[in-house]
Amino acid sequence: METTYECGSEPIGDAHVQFRFQYYAFAIIFVVFDLVTTFMMIWAVAFSNLSPSAQMWMLIFLGVLLLGVTYALKKEESIWI
């Protein structure tokens, strides 16, 4: 018998369930934005104590993030048109 063992009960139906890639993509995007939010909160608290070069790198990072979000929104718009 080549069935999977799960909690001592016999499985009913097909054991393989296919998930769409979009679910994984949404989860990865959520984790990335969650980490970015954490960085931004830390930077916001310590912004006045940062050196000028650290402030510049922070603004560059936020600029790249903004470009990425703008690109993603425009790409999403073009999918629906």
N, C-alpha and C. Protein backbone atom coordinates (compact mmCIF):
# COMPACT_ATOMS: atom_id res chain seq x y z
N MET A 1 0.85 -1.17 0.00
CA MET A 1 0.00 0.00 0.00
C MET A 1 0.90 1.24 0.00
N GLU A 2 0.69 2.15 -0.93
CA GLU A 2 1.53 3.33 -1.06
C GLU A 2 0.77 4.61 -0.71
N THR A 3 0.05 4.61 0.39
CA THR A 3 -0.66 5.82 0.81
C THR A 3 0.11 6.49 1.93
N THR A 4 -0.15 7.75 2.09
CA THR A 4 0.52 8.48 3.17
C THR A 4 -0.13 8.16 4.50
N TYR A 5 0.69 8.17 5.54
CA TYR A 5 0.18 7.91 6.89
C TYR A 5 -0.07 9.25 7.56
N GLU A 6 -1.29 9.46 7.94
CA GLU A 6 -1.63 10.73 8.58
C GLU A 6 -2.60 10.47 9.72
N CYS A 7 -2.14 10.60 10.92
CA CYS A 7 -2.96 10.50 12.13
C CYS A 7 -3.64 9.15 12.27
N GLY A 8 -3.11 8.12 11.66
CA GLY A 8 -3.69 6.79 11.83
C GLY A 8 -4.94 6.55 11.03
N SER A 9 -5.36 7.47 10.19
CA SER A 9 -6.57 7.26 9.41
C SER A 9 -6.22 7.14 7.93
N GLU A 10 -7.02 6.41 7.24
CA GLU A 10 -6.81 6.22 5.80
C GLU A 10 -7.22 7.49 5.05
N PRO A 11 -6.38 7.97 4.15
CA PRO A 11 -6.76 9.16 3.37
C PRO A 11 -7.87 8.83 2.38
N ILE A 12 -8.72 9.81 2.19
CA ILE A 12 -9.82 9.67 1.23
C ILE A 12 -9.53 10.59 0.06
N GLY A 13 -9.54 10.07 -1.13
CA GLY A 13 -9.30 10.90 -2.31
C GLY A 13 -7.82 11.06 -2.59
N ASP A 14 -7.52 12.02 -3.45
CA ASP A 14 -6.15 12.27 -3.86
C ASP A 14 -5.40 13.05 -2.78
N ALA A 15 -4.19 12.63 -2.48
CA ALA A 15 -3.41 13.28 -1.43
C ALA A 15 -2.73 14.55 -1.91
N HIS A 16 -2.60 14.72 -3.21
CA HIS A 16 -1.94 15.89 -3.76
C HIS A 16 -2.93 17.02 -3.97
N VAL A 17 -2.63 18.16 -3.38
CA VAL A 17 -3.44 19.35 -3.57
C VAL A 17 -2.53 20.39 -4.19
N GLN A 18 -2.92 20.89 -5.33
CA GLN A 18 -2.09 21.87 -6.02
C GLN A 18 -2.48 23.28 -5.59
N PHE A 19 -1.46 24.06 -5.20
CA PHE A 19 -1.67 25.45 -4.84
C PHE A 19 -1.15 26.32 -5.97
N ARG A 20 -1.82 27.41 -6.19
CA ARG A 20 -1.34 28.34 -7.20
C ARG A 20 -0.13 29.09 -6.67
N PHE A 21 0.78 29.44 -7.58
CA PHE A 21 2.00 30.14 -7.21
C PHE A 21 1.69 31.50 -6.60
N GLN A 22 0.56 32.11 -6.96
CA GLN A 22 0.21 33.44 -6.44
C GLN A 22 0.12 33.44 -4.92
N TYR A 23 -0.32 32.36 -4.32
CA TYR A 23 -0.41 32.30 -2.86
C TYR A 23 0.98 32.41 -2.23
N TYR A 24 1.95 31.71 -2.82
CA TYR A 24 3.32 31.79 -2.32
C TYR A 24 3.89 33.18 -2.55
N ALA A 25 3.61 33.75 -3.71
CA ALA A 25 4.11 35.10 -4.02
C ALA A 25 3.55 36.12 -3.03
N PHE A 26 2.27 36.03 -2.72
CA PHE A 26 1.67 36.95 -1.75
C PHE A 26 2.32 36.78 -0.38
N ALA A 27 2.60 35.55 0.01
CA ALA A 27 3.22 35.31 1.31
C ALA A 27 4.63 35.89 1.35
N ILE A 28 5.40 35.72 0.28
CA ILE A 28 6.76 36.27 0.23
C ILE A 28 6.71 37.79 0.26
N ILE A 29 5.79 38.38 -0.51
CA ILE A 29 5.66 39.84 -0.53
C ILE A 29 5.28 40.35 0.86
N PHE A 30 4.39 39.66 1.56
CA PHE A 30 4.00 40.06 2.90
C PHE A 30 5.20 40.05 3.85
N VAL A 31 6.01 38.99 3.78
CA VAL A 31 7.18 38.90 4.65
C VAL A 31 8.17 40.01 4.34
N VAL A 32 8.40 40.29 3.07
CA VAL A 32 9.33 41.35 2.68
C VAL A 32 8.85 42.69 3.20
N PHE A 33 7.59 43.03 3.00
CA PHE A 33 7.09 44.31 3.48
C PHE A 33 7.03 44.37 5.00
N ASP A 34 6.84 43.24 5.63
CA ASP A 34 6.88 43.21 7.09
C ASP A 34 8.28 43.55 7.59
N LEU A 35 9.30 42.99 6.95
CA LEU A 35 10.68 43.31 7.32
C LEU A 35 11.02 44.77 7.03
N VAL A 36 10.55 45.27 5.90
CA VAL A 36 10.81 46.67 5.54
C VAL A 36 10.15 47.60 6.56
N THR A 37 8.95 47.25 6.98
CA THR A 37 8.27 48.06 7.99
C THR A 37 9.05 48.06 9.30
N THR A 38 9.61 46.92 9.67
CA THR A 38 10.42 46.85 10.88
C THR A 38 11.64 47.76 10.77
N PHE A 39 12.34 47.70 9.62
CA PHE A 39 13.48 48.58 9.41
C PHE A 39 13.08 50.04 9.47
N MET A 40 11.96 50.38 8.87
CA MET A 40 11.52 51.77 8.86
C MET A 40 11.16 52.26 10.25
N MET A 41 10.57 51.40 11.06
CA MET A 41 10.25 51.79 12.44
C MET A 41 11.53 52.06 13.23
N ILE A 42 12.52 51.19 13.08
CA ILE A 42 13.79 51.39 13.78
C ILE A 42 14.46 52.67 13.31
N TRP A 43 14.47 52.89 11.99
CA TRP A 43 15.08 54.10 11.45
C TRP A 43 14.35 55.35 11.89
N ALA A 44 13.03 55.28 11.96
CA ALA A 44 12.26 56.46 12.37
C ALA A 44 12.58 56.85 13.81
N VAL A 45 12.78 55.86 14.66
CA VAL A 45 13.10 56.15 16.05
C VAL A 45 14.50 56.75 16.18
N ALA A 46 15.44 56.24 15.38
CA ALA A 46 16.83 56.66 15.53
C ALA A 46 17.28 57.65 14.46
N PHE A 47 16.36 58.23 13.70
CA PHE A 47 16.75 59.07 12.56
C PHE A 47 17.60 60.26 12.98
N SER A 48 17.23 60.94 14.03
CA SER A 48 17.97 62.14 14.43
C SER A 48 19.37 61.81 14.97
N ASN A 49 19.57 60.58 15.43
CA ASN A 49 20.87 60.19 15.96
C ASN A 49 21.78 59.55 14.91
N LEU A 50 21.29 59.38 13.69
CA LEU A 50 22.09 58.75 12.65
C LEU A 50 23.07 59.74 12.04
N SER A 51 24.16 59.21 11.53
CA SER A 51 25.13 60.07 10.84
C SER A 51 24.55 60.49 9.50
N PRO A 52 25.07 61.56 8.90
CA PRO A 52 24.55 62.00 7.60
C PRO A 52 24.65 60.92 6.51
N SER A 53 25.71 60.12 6.52
CA SER A 53 25.82 59.07 5.51
C SER A 53 24.76 57.97 5.74
N ALA A 54 24.47 57.66 6.99
CA ALA A 54 23.44 56.67 7.29
C ALA A 54 22.06 57.20 6.88
N GLN A 55 21.82 58.49 7.09
CA GLN A 55 20.55 59.08 6.64
C GLN A 55 20.45 59.04 5.12
N MET A 56 21.57 59.29 4.43
CA MET A 56 21.56 59.25 2.97
C MET A 56 21.24 57.84 2.48
N TRP A 57 21.87 56.82 3.08
CA TRP A 57 21.60 55.44 2.68
C TRP A 57 20.15 55.04 2.98
N MET A 58 19.64 55.55 4.07
CA MET A 58 18.24 55.28 4.40
C MET A 58 17.32 55.86 3.35
N LEU A 59 17.58 57.09 2.93
CA LEU A 59 16.74 57.72 1.90
C LEU A 59 16.90 57.03 0.55
N ILE A 60 18.11 56.55 0.23
CA ILE A 60 18.31 55.79 -1.01
C ILE A 60 17.50 54.49 -0.96
N PHE A 61 17.54 53.80 0.18
CA PHE A 61 16.78 52.57 0.34
C PHE A 61 15.28 52.83 0.17
N LEU A 62 14.79 53.89 0.78
CA LEU A 62 13.37 54.20 0.65
C LEU A 62 13.02 54.59 -0.78
N GLY A 63 13.94 55.26 -1.47
CA GLY A 63 13.71 55.60 -2.87
C GLY A 63 13.62 54.37 -3.75
N VAL A 64 14.53 53.41 -3.53
CA VAL A 64 14.48 52.16 -4.29
C VAL A 64 13.19 51.40 -3.98
N LEU A 65 12.80 51.40 -2.72
CA LEU A 65 11.55 50.75 -2.33
C LEU A 65 10.36 51.41 -3.01
N LEU A 66 10.35 52.73 -3.05
CA LEU A 66 9.27 53.45 -3.71
C LEU A 66 9.22 53.15 -5.21
N LEU A 67 10.39 53.08 -5.84
CA LEU A 67 10.43 52.72 -7.26
C LEU A 67 9.88 51.31 -7.50
N GLY A 68 10.22 50.40 -6.61
CA GLY A 68 9.72 49.03 -6.74
C GLY A 68 8.21 48.95 -6.58
N VAL A 69 7.69 49.67 -5.61
CA VAL A 69 6.23 49.67 -5.41
C VAL A 69 5.53 50.32 -6.60
N THR A 70 6.08 51.42 -7.11
CA THR A 70 5.50 52.08 -8.27
C THR A 70 5.50 51.15 -9.48
N TYR A 71 6.61 50.46 -9.70
CA TYR A 71 6.70 49.51 -10.81
C TYR A 71 5.67 48.40 -10.65
N ALA A 72 5.55 47.86 -9.44
CA ALA A 72 4.60 46.76 -9.20
C ALA A 72 3.16 47.22 -9.42
N LEU A 73 2.84 48.43 -8.98
CA LEU A 73 1.48 48.93 -9.18
C LEU A 73 1.19 49.17 -10.66
N LYS A 74 2.16 49.70 -11.40
CA LYS A 74 1.95 49.91 -12.83
C LYS A 74 1.83 48.57 -13.56
N LYS A 75 2.62 47.59 -13.16
CA LYS A 75 2.54 46.27 -13.78
C LYS A 75 1.19 45.63 -13.46
N GLU A 76 0.72 45.78 -12.24
CA GLU A 76 -0.59 45.25 -11.85
C GLU A 76 -1.70 45.93 -12.65
N GLU A 77 -1.56 47.24 -12.88
CA GLU A 77 -2.55 47.97 -13.67
C GLU A 77 -2.59 47.44 -15.09
N SER A 78 -1.43 47.17 -15.67
CA SER A 78 -1.40 46.72 -17.07
C SER A 78 -1.98 45.32 -17.21
N ILE A 79 -1.98 44.54 -16.14
CA ILE A 79 -2.57 43.20 -16.22
C ILE A 79 -4.09 43.31 -16.37
N TRP A 80 -4.70 44.25 -15.70
CA TRP A 80 -6.15 44.37 -15.70
C TRP A 80 -6.71 45.11 -16.90
N ILE A 81 -5.86 45.81 -17.63
CA ILE A 81 -6.36 46.58 -18.79
C ILE A 81 -6.53 45.68 -19.99
